């Protein structure tokens, strides 16, 4: 269980910093991280970090698919965890 929690902390930090880095790159008009990669980091368990990065850095908040998609991923992940750990 501690490895799972460690993984979640790590992937959420990665997702958070991906949002930060992408916002910085956008401001500097440089190479960006693909939206697919941002969503993949959220799907791999980093949805909380991605949402926090979105709102803290005001990044991708004008794109409906991020505003709806990231919380949607979090809801599905939470439901899956509840089902796996407490569904019996």
PDB file of N, CA and C in Angstrom:
ATOM      1  N   UNK A   1       0.814  -1.192   0.000  1.00  0.00           N
ATOM      2  CA  UNK A   1       0.000   0.000   0.000  1.00  0.00           C
ATOM      3  C   UNK A   1       0.866   1.269   0.000  1.00  0.00           C
ATOM      4  N   UNK A   2       2.003   1.225   0.726  1.00  0.00           N
ATOM      5  CA  UNK A   2       2.845   2.424   0.766  1.00  0.00           C
ATOM      6  C   UNK A   2       3.464   2.714  -0.598  1.00  0.00           C
ATOM      7  N   UNK A   3       3.716   1.672  -1.404  1.00  0.00           N
ATOM      8  CA  UNK A   3       4.244   1.894  -2.752  1.00  0.00           C
ATOM      9  C   UNK A   3       3.189   2.538  -3.645  1.00  0.00           C
ATOM     10  N   UNK A   4       1.949   2.144  -3.467  1.00  0.00           N
ATOM     11  CA  UNK A   4       0.848   2.715  -4.231  1.00  0.00           C
ATOM     12  C   UNK A   4       0.680   4.192  -3.897  1.00  0.00           C
ATOM     13  N   UNK A   5       0.714   4.518  -2.626  1.00  0.00           N
ATOM     14  CA  UNK A   5       0.591   5.918  -2.202  1.00  0.00           C
ATOM     15  C   UNK A   5       1.789   6.731  -2.702  1.00  0.00           C
ATOM     16  N   UNK A   6       2.978   6.146  -2.619  1.00  0.00           N
ATOM     17  CA  UNK A   6       4.170   6.814  -3.144  1.00  0.00           C
ATOM     18  C   UNK A   6       4.060   7.080  -4.630  1.00  0.00           C
ATOM     19  N   UNK A   7       3.515   6.093  -5.364  1.00  0.00           N
ATOM     20  CA  UNK A   7       3.308   6.264  -6.799  1.00  0.00           C
ATOM     21  C   UNK A   7       2.347   7.413  -7.066  1.00  0.00           C
ATOM     22  N   UNK A   8       1.242   7.454  -6.325  1.00  0.00           N
ATOM     23  CA  UNK A   8       0.255   8.510  -6.534  1.00  0.00           C
ATOM     24  C   UNK A   8       0.835   9.892  -6.237  1.00  0.00           C
ATOM     25  N   UNK A   9       1.619   9.998  -5.189  1.00  0.00           N
ATOM     26  CA  UNK A   9       2.260  11.282  -4.873  1.00  0.00           C
ATOM     27  C   UNK A   9       3.193  11.685  -6.019  1.00  0.00           C
ATOM     28  N   UNK A  10       3.992  10.744  -6.493  1.00  0.00           N
ATOM     29  CA  UNK A  10       4.947  11.039  -7.567  1.00  0.00           C
ATOM     30  C   UNK A  10       4.243  11.435  -8.864  1.00  0.00           C
ATOM     31  N   UNK A  11       3.246  10.678  -9.286  1.00  0.00           N
ATOM     32  CA  UNK A  11       2.574  10.985 -10.556  1.00  0.00           C
ATOM     33  C   UNK A  11       1.804  12.294 -10.470  1.00  0.00           C
ATOM     34  N   UNK A  12       1.284  12.624  -9.290  1.00  0.00           N
ATOM     35  CA  UNK A  12       0.595  13.904  -9.141  1.00  0.00           C
ATOM     36  C   UNK A  12       1.570  15.075  -9.166  1.00  0.00           C
ATOM     37  N   UNK A  13       2.737  14.901  -8.587  1.00  0.00           N
ATOM     38  CA  UNK A  13       3.762  15.941  -8.684  1.00  0.00           C
ATOM     39  C   UNK A  13       4.216  16.130 -10.124  1.00  0.00           C
ATOM     40  N   UNK A  14       4.386  15.036 -10.832  1.00  0.00           N
ATOM     41  CA  UNK A  14       4.778  15.111 -12.247  1.00  0.00           C
ATOM     42  C   UNK A  14       3.706  15.839 -13.048  1.00  0.00           C
ATOM     43  N   UNK A  15       2.449  15.486 -12.841  1.00  0.00           N
ATOM     44  CA  UNK A  15       1.352  16.132 -13.565  1.00  0.00           C
ATOM     45  C   UNK A  15       1.288  17.625 -13.261  1.00  0.00           C
ATOM     46  N   UNK A  16       1.474  17.974 -12.000  1.00  0.00           N
ATOM     47  CA  UNK A  16       1.467  19.377 -11.591  1.00  0.00           C
ATOM     48  C   UNK A  16       2.582  20.153 -12.295  1.00  0.00           C
ATOM     49  N   UNK A  17       3.780  19.594 -12.285  1.00  0.00           N
ATOM     50  CA  UNK A  17       4.906  20.293 -12.895  1.00  0.00           C
ATOM     51  C   UNK A  17       4.849  20.278 -14.417  1.00  0.00           C
ATOM     52  N   UNK A  18       4.187  19.302 -15.009  1.00  0.00           N
ATOM     53  CA  UNK A  18       3.967  19.331 -16.462  1.00  0.00           C
ATOM     54  C   UNK A  18       3.091  20.526 -16.834  1.00  0.00           C
ATOM     55  N   UNK A  19       2.064  20.780 -16.046  1.00  0.00           N
ATOM     56  CA  UNK A  19       1.208  21.952 -16.295  1.00  0.00           C
ATOM     57  C   UNK A  19       2.001  23.240 -16.129  1.00  0.00           C
ATOM     58  N   UNK A  20       2.813  23.301 -15.090  1.00  0.00           N
ATOM     59  CA  UNK A  20       3.648  24.480 -14.844  1.00  0.00           C
ATOM     60  C   UNK A  20       4.616  24.710 -16.008  1.00  0.00           C
ATOM     61  N   UNK A  21       5.296  23.648 -16.416  1.00  0.00           N
ATOM     62  CA  UNK A  21       6.276  23.751 -17.494  1.00  0.00           C
ATOM     63  C   UNK A  21       5.601  24.136 -18.809  1.00  0.00           C
ATOM     64  N   UNK A  22       4.459  23.538 -19.109  1.00  0.00           N
ATOM     65  CA  UNK A  22       3.773  23.840 -20.358  1.00  0.00           C
ATOM     66  C   UNK A  22       3.296  25.287 -20.388  1.00  0.00           C
ATOM     67  N   UNK A  23       2.822  25.788 -19.268  1.00  0.00           N
ATOM     68  CA  UNK A  23       2.396  27.187 -19.200  1.00  0.00           C
ATOM     69  C   UNK A  23       3.580  28.118 -19.428  1.00  0.00           C
ATOM     70  N   UNK A  24       4.703  27.784 -18.828  1.00  0.00           N
ATOM     71  CA  UNK A  24       5.908  28.606 -19.009  1.00  0.00           C
ATOM     72  C   UNK A  24       6.348  28.602 -20.462  1.00  0.00           C
ATOM     73  N   UNK A  25       6.335  27.432 -21.076  1.00  0.00           N
ATOM     74  CA  UNK A  25       6.721  27.322 -22.481  1.00  0.00           C
ATOM     75  C   UNK A  25       5.757  28.106 -23.373  1.00  0.00           C
ATOM     76  N   UNK A  26       4.473  28.100 -23.023  1.00  0.00           N
ATOM     77  CA  UNK A  26       3.486  28.845 -23.804  1.00  0.00           C
ATOM     78  C   UNK A  26       3.761  30.344 -23.740  1.00  0.00           C
ATOM     79  N   UNK A  27       4.084  30.817 -22.564  1.00  0.00           N
ATOM     80  CA  UNK A  27       4.386  32.250 -22.413  1.00  0.00           C
ATOM     81  C   UNK A  27       5.621  32.658 -23.201  1.00  0.00           C
ATOM     82  N   UNK A  28       6.588  31.755 -23.300  1.00  0.00           N
ATOM     83  CA  UNK A  28       7.837  32.049 -24.012  1.00  0.00           C
ATOM     84  C   UNK A  28       7.775  31.695 -25.495  1.00  0.00           C
ATOM     85  N   UNK A  29       6.608  31.216 -25.952  1.00  0.00           N
ATOM     86  CA  UNK A  29       6.414  30.804 -27.350  1.00  0.00           C
ATOM     87  C   UNK A  29       7.424  29.756 -27.778  1.00  0.00           C
ATOM     88  N   UNK A  30       7.609  28.758 -26.937  1.00  0.00           N
ATOM     89  CA  UNK A  30       8.551  27.667 -27.206  1.00  0.00           C
ATOM     90  C   UNK A  30       7.804  26.352 -27.358  1.00  0.00           C
ATOM     91  N   UNK A  31       8.579  25.284 -27.581  1.00  0.00           N
ATOM     92  CA  UNK A  31       8.043  23.938 -27.732  1.00  0.00           C
ATOM     93  C   UNK A  31       7.200  23.590 -26.521  1.00  0.00           C
ATOM     94  N   UNK A  32       6.038  22.975 -26.773  1.00  0.00           N
ATOM     95  CA  UNK A  32       5.071  22.687 -25.719  1.00  0.00           C
ATOM     96  C   UNK A  32       4.905  21.195 -25.508  1.00  0.00           C
ATOM     97  N   UNK A  33       4.331  20.845 -24.384  1.00  0.00           N
ATOM     98  CA  UNK A  33       3.964  19.465 -24.081  1.00  0.00           C
ATOM     99  C   UNK A  33       2.609  19.213 -24.740  1.00  0.00           C
ATOM    100  N   UNK A  34       2.455  18.086 -25.374  1.00  0.00           N
ATOM    101  CA  UNK A  34       1.205  17.802 -26.075  1.00  0.00           C
ATOM    102  C   UNK A  34       0.055  17.630 -25.082  1.00  0.00           C
ATOM    103  N   UNK A  35      -1.143  17.967 -25.556  1.00  0.00           N
ATOM    104  CA  UNK A  35      -2.331  17.795 -24.719  1.00  0.00           C
ATOM    105  C   UNK A  35      -2.534  16.320 -24.405  1.00  0.00           C
ATOM    106  N   UNK A  36      -2.175  15.462 -25.333  1.00  0.00           N
ATOM    107  CA  UNK A  36      -2.268  14.018 -25.105  1.00  0.00           C
ATOM    108  C   UNK A  36      -1.409  13.601 -23.908  1.00  0.00           C
ATOM    109  N   UNK A  37      -0.215  14.156 -23.797  1.00  0.00           N
ATOM    110  CA  UNK A  37       0.674  13.832 -22.679  1.00  0.00           C
ATOM    111  C   UNK A  37       0.116  14.356 -21.353  1.00  0.00           C
ATOM    112  N   UNK A  38      -0.498  15.529 -21.387  1.00  0.00           N
ATOM    113  CA  UNK A  38      -1.095  16.079 -20.170  1.00  0.00           C
ATOM    114  C   UNK A  38      -2.245  15.199 -19.691  1.00  0.00           C
ATOM    115  N   UNK A  39      -3.080  14.749 -20.638  1.00  0.00           N
ATOM    116  CA  UNK A  39      -4.175  13.852 -20.269  1.00  0.00           C
ATOM    117  C   UNK A  39      -3.652  12.490 -19.828  1.00  0.00           C
ATOM    118  N   UNK A  40      -2.598  12.006 -20.477  1.00  0.00           N
ATOM    119  CA  UNK A  40      -2.040  10.708 -20.094  1.00  0.00           C
ATOM    120  C   UNK A  40      -1.525  10.731 -18.664  1.00  0.00           C
ATOM    121  N   UNK A  41      -0.863  11.824 -18.281  1.00  0.00           N
ATOM    122  CA  UNK A  41      -0.372  11.915 -16.900  1.00  0.00           C
ATOM    123  C   UNK A  41      -1.534  11.893 -15.908  1.00  0.00           C
ATOM    124  N   UNK A  42      -2.656  12.500 -16.280  1.00  0.00           N
ATOM    125  CA  UNK A  42      -3.835  12.461 -15.414  1.00  0.00           C
ATOM    126  C   UNK A  42      -4.433  11.060 -15.374  1.00  0.00           C
ATOM    127  N   UNK A  43      -4.509  10.401 -16.511  1.00  0.00           N
ATOM    128  CA  UNK A  43      -5.058   9.049 -16.570  1.00  0.00           C
ATOM    129  C   UNK A  43      -4.220   8.045 -15.792  1.00  0.00           C
ATOM    130  N   UNK A  44      -2.930   8.289 -15.698  1.00  0.00           N
ATOM    131  CA  UNK A  44      -2.040   7.391 -14.968  1.00  0.00           C
ATOM    132  C   UNK A  44      -2.106   7.598 -13.452  1.00  0.00           C
ATOM    133  N   UNK A  45      -3.004   8.480 -13.021  1.00  0.00           N
ATOM    134  CA  UNK A  45      -3.194   8.686 -11.584  1.00  0.00           C
ATOM    135  C   UNK A  45      -2.903  10.092 -11.117  1.00  0.00           C
ATOM    136  N   UNK A  46      -2.500  10.967 -12.027  1.00  0.00           N
ATOM    137  CA  UNK A  46      -2.122  12.315 -11.630  1.00  0.00           C
ATOM    138  C   UNK A  46      -3.184  13.365 -11.845  1.00  0.00           C
ATOM    139  N   UNK A  47      -4.439  12.986 -11.747  1.00  0.00           N
ATOM    140  CA  UNK A  47      -5.512  13.935 -12.035  1.00  0.00           C
ATOM    141  C   UNK A  47      -5.579  15.078 -11.008  1.00  0.00           C
ATOM    142  N   UNK A  48      -5.306  14.791  -9.759  1.00  0.00           N
ATOM    143  CA  UNK A  48      -5.337  15.854  -8.738  1.00  0.00           C
ATOM    144  C   UNK A  48      -4.238  16.879  -9.009  1.00  0.00           C
ATOM    145  N   UNK A  49      -3.045  16.404  -9.325  1.00  0.00           N
ATOM    146  CA  UNK A  49      -1.951  17.317  -9.648  1.00  0.00           C
ATOM    147  C   UNK A  49      -2.224  18.119 -10.907  1.00  0.00           C
ATOM    148  N   UNK A  50      -2.820  17.478 -11.918  1.00  0.00           N
ATOM    149  CA  UNK A  50      -3.137  18.176 -13.161  1.00  0.00           C
ATOM    150  C   UNK A  50      -4.191  19.256 -12.924  1.00  0.00           C
ATOM    151  N   UNK A  51      -5.211  18.940 -12.141  1.00  0.00           N
ATOM    152  CA  UNK A  51      -6.258  19.925 -11.843  1.00  0.00           C
ATOM    153  C   UNK A  51      -5.679  21.082 -11.036  1.00  0.00           C
ATOM    154  N   UNK A  52      -4.855  20.767 -10.048  1.00  0.00           N
ATOM    155  CA  UNK A  52      -4.234  21.833  -9.241  1.00  0.00           C
ATOM    156  C   UNK A  52      -3.360  22.720 -10.110  1.00  0.00           C
ATOM    157  N   UNK A  53      -2.582  22.123 -10.997  1.00  0.00           N
ATOM    158  CA  UNK A  53      -1.739  22.902 -11.899  1.00  0.00           C
ATOM    159  C   UNK A  53      -2.547  23.735 -12.874  1.00  0.00           C
ATOM    160  N   UNK A  54      -3.636  23.168 -13.367  1.00  0.00           N
ATOM    161  CA  UNK A  54      -4.509  23.908 -14.282  1.00  0.00           C
ATOM    162  C   UNK A  54      -4.996  25.194 -13.641  1.00  0.00           C
ATOM    163  N   UNK A  55      -5.511  25.085 -12.441  1.00  0.00           N
ATOM    164  CA  UNK A  55      -6.134  26.251 -11.811  1.00  0.00           C
ATOM    165  C   UNK A  55      -5.110  27.193 -11.183  1.00  0.00           C
ATOM    166  N   UNK A  56      -4.041  26.665 -10.625  1.00  0.00           N
ATOM    167  CA  UNK A  56      -3.027  27.537 -10.024  1.00  0.00           C
ATOM    168  C   UNK A  56      -2.318  28.380 -11.082  1.00  0.00           C
ATOM    169  N   UNK A  57      -1.989  27.761 -12.218  1.00  0.00           N
ATOM    170  CA  UNK A  57      -1.270  28.472 -13.274  1.00  0.00           C
ATOM    171  C   UNK A  57      -2.208  29.035 -14.336  1.00  0.00           C
ATOM    172  N   UNK A  58      -3.510  28.848 -14.155  1.00  0.00           N
ATOM    173  CA  UNK A  58      -4.523  29.286 -15.122  1.00  0.00           C
ATOM    174  C   UNK A  58      -4.155  28.791 -16.519  1.00  0.00           C
ATOM    175  N   UNK A  59      -3.932  27.515 -16.594  1.00  0.00           N
ATOM    176  CA  UNK A  59      -3.483  26.899 -17.841  1.00  0.00           C
ATOM    177  C   UNK A  59      -4.519  25.905 -18.340  1.00  0.00           C
ATOM    178  N   UNK A  60      -4.918  26.032 -19.570  1.00  0.00           N
ATOM    179  CA  UNK A  60      -5.901  25.163 -20.233  1.00  0.00           C
ATOM    180  C   UNK A  60      -7.301  25.326 -19.655  1.00  0.00           C
ATOM    181  N   UNK A  61      -7.550  26.405 -18.936  1.00  0.00           N
ATOM    182  CA  UNK A  61      -8.859  26.590 -18.323  1.00  0.00           C
ATOM    183  C   UNK A  61      -9.893  27.124 -19.312  1.00  0.00           C
ATOM    184  N   UNK A  62      -9.482  27.491 -20.509  1.00  0.00           N
ATOM    185  CA  UNK A  62     -10.425  27.940 -21.540  1.00  0.00           C
ATOM    186  C   UNK A  62     -10.846  26.802 -22.468  1.00  0.00           C
ATOM    187  N   UNK A  63     -10.213  25.658 -22.305  1.00  0.00           N
ATOM    188  CA  UNK A  63     -10.529  24.495 -23.136  1.00  0.00           C
ATOM    189  C   UNK A  63     -11.534  23.623 -22.389  1.00  0.00           C
ATOM    190  N   UNK A  64     -12.737  23.493 -22.935  1.00  0.00           N
ATOM    191  CA  UNK A  64     -13.798  22.757 -22.243  1.00  0.00           C
ATOM    192  C   UNK A  64     -13.401  21.322 -21.961  1.00  0.00           C
ATOM    193  N   UNK A  65     -12.631  20.721 -22.863  1.00  0.00           N
ATOM    194  CA  UNK A  65     -12.268  19.324 -22.663  1.00  0.00           C
ATOM    195  C   UNK A  65     -11.287  19.141 -21.509  1.00  0.00           C
ATOM    196  N   UNK A  66     -10.567  20.174 -21.128  1.00  0.00           N
ATOM    197  CA  UNK A  66      -9.740  20.105 -19.920  1.00  0.00           C
ATOM    198  C   UNK A  66     -10.588  20.402 -18.682  1.00  0.00           C
ATOM    199  N   UNK A  67     -11.427  21.417 -18.769  1.00  0.00           N
ATOM    200  CA  UNK A  67     -12.255  21.816 -17.632  1.00  0.00           C
ATOM    201  C   UNK A  67     -13.221  20.695 -17.240  1.00  0.00           C
ATOM    202  N   UNK A  68     -13.718  19.956 -18.219  1.00  0.00           N
ATOM    203  CA  UNK A  68     -14.630  18.847 -17.950  1.00  0.00           C
ATOM    204  C   UNK A  68     -13.869  17.531 -17.813  1.00  0.00           C
ATOM    205  N   UNK A  69     -12.861  17.340 -18.646  1.00  0.00           N
ATOM    206  CA  UNK A  69     -12.152  16.063 -18.708  1.00  0.00           C
ATOM    207  C   UNK A  69     -11.323  15.734 -17.479  1.00  0.00           C
ATOM    208  N   UNK A  70     -10.577  16.683 -16.984  1.00  0.00           N
ATOM    209  CA  UNK A  70      -9.718  16.409 -15.818  1.00  0.00           C
ATOM    210  C   UNK A  70     -10.540  16.042 -14.573  1.00  0.00           C
ATOM    211  N   UNK A  71     -11.572  16.816 -14.224  1.00  0.00           N
ATOM    212  CA  UNK A  71     -12.401  16.381 -13.085  1.00  0.00           C
ATOM    213  C   UNK A  71     -13.131  15.065 -13.373  1.00  0.00           C
ATOM    214  N   UNK A  72     -13.496  14.842 -14.631  1.00  0.00           N
ATOM    215  CA  UNK A  72     -14.133  13.579 -14.990  1.00  0.00           C
ATOM    216  C   UNK A  72     -13.221  12.394 -14.746  1.00  0.00           C
ATOM    217  N   UNK A  73     -11.960  12.553 -15.096  1.00  0.00           N
ATOM    218  CA  UNK A  73     -10.975  11.501 -14.844  1.00  0.00           C
ATOM    219  C   UNK A  73     -10.849  11.254 -13.344  1.00  0.00           C
ATOM    220  N   UNK A  74     -10.805  12.329 -12.559  1.00  0.00           N
ATOM    221  CA  UNK A  74     -10.705  12.199 -11.104  1.00  0.00           C
ATOM    222  C   UNK A  74     -11.908  11.461 -10.523  1.00  0.00           C
ATOM    223  N   UNK A  75     -13.093  11.768 -11.006  1.00  0.00           N
ATOM    224  CA  UNK A  75     -14.304  11.090 -10.519  1.00  0.00           C
ATOM    225  C   UNK A  75     -14.233   9.601 -10.836  1.00  0.00           C
ATOM    226  N   UNK A  76     -13.841   9.259 -12.058  1.00  0.00           N
ATOM    227  CA  UNK A  76     -13.734   7.849 -12.431  1.00  0.00           C
ATOM    228  C   UNK A  76     -12.665   7.124 -11.620  1.00  0.00           C
ATOM    229  N   UNK A  77     -11.542   7.773 -11.391  1.00  0.00           N
ATOM    230  CA  UNK A  77     -10.479   7.156 -10.594  1.00  0.00           C
ATOM    231  C   UNK A  77     -10.924   6.955  -9.149  1.00  0.00           C
ATOM    232  N   UNK A  78     -11.613   7.931  -8.600  1.00  0.00           N
ATOM    233  CA  UNK A  78     -12.116   7.812  -7.228  1.00  0.00           C
ATOM    234  C   UNK A  78     -13.126   6.680  -7.128  1.00  0.00           C
ATOM    235  N   UNK A  79     -14.031   6.599  -8.104  1.00  0.00           N
ATOM    236  CA  UNK A  79     -15.021   5.518  -8.110  1.00  0.00           C
ATOM    237  C   UNK A  79     -14.334   4.156  -8.220  1.00  0.00           C
ATOM    238  N   UNK A  80     -13.309   4.051  -9.034  1.00  0.00           N
ATOM    239  CA  UNK A  80     -12.576   2.786  -9.178  1.00  0.00           C
ATOM    240  C   UNK A  80     -11.891   2.402  -7.874  1.00  0.00           C
ATOM    241  N   UNK A  81     -11.284   3.371  -7.191  1.00  0.00           N
ATOM    242  CA  UNK A  81     -10.637   3.083  -5.905  1.00  0.00           C
ATOM    243  C   UNK A  81     -11.640   2.647  -4.853  1.00  0.00           C
ATOM    244  N   UNK A  82     -12.767   3.333  -4.796  1.00  0.00           N
ATOM    245  CA  UNK A  82     -13.811   2.958  -3.834  1.00  0.00           C
ATOM    246  C   UNK A  82     -14.286   1.543  -4.121  1.00  0.00           C
ATOM    247  N   UNK A  83     -14.525   1.245  -5.383  1.00  0.00           N
ATOM    248  CA  UNK A  83     -14.979  -0.103  -5.752  1.00  0.00           C
ATOM    249  C   UNK A  83     -13.937  -1.164  -5.415  1.00  0.00           C
ATOM    250  N   UNK A  84     -12.672  -0.892  -5.703  1.00  0.00           N
ATOM    251  CA  UNK A  84     -11.612  -1.873  -5.465  1.00  0.00           C
ATOM    252  C   UNK A  84     -11.361  -2.121  -3.991  1.00  0.00           C
ATOM    253  N   UNK A  85     -11.362  -1.061  -3.170  1.00  0.00           N
ATOM    254  CA  UNK A  85     -10.987  -1.212  -1.781  1.00  0.00           C
ATOM    255  C   UNK A  85     -12.158  -1.424  -0.832  1.00  0.00           C
ATOM    256  N   UNK A  86     -13.329  -0.892  -1.185  1.00  0.00           N
ATOM    257  CA  UNK A  86     -14.455  -0.995  -0.262  1.00  0.00           C
ATOM    258  C   UNK A  86     -15.695  -1.633  -0.891  1.00  0.00           C
ATOM    259  N   UNK A  87     -15.578  -2.115  -2.098  1.00  0.00           N
ATOM    260  CA  UNK A  87     -16.733  -2.626  -2.809  1.00  0.00           C
ATOM    261  C   UNK A  87     -17.145  -4.032  -2.461  1.00  0.00           C
ATOM    262  N   UNK A  88     -16.410  -4.698  -1.611  1.00  0.00           N
ATOM    263  CA  UNK A  88     -16.721  -6.107  -1.307  1.00  0.00           C
ATOM    264  C   UNK A  88     -17.750  -6.263  -0.230  1.00  0.00           C
TER     265      UNK A  88
END
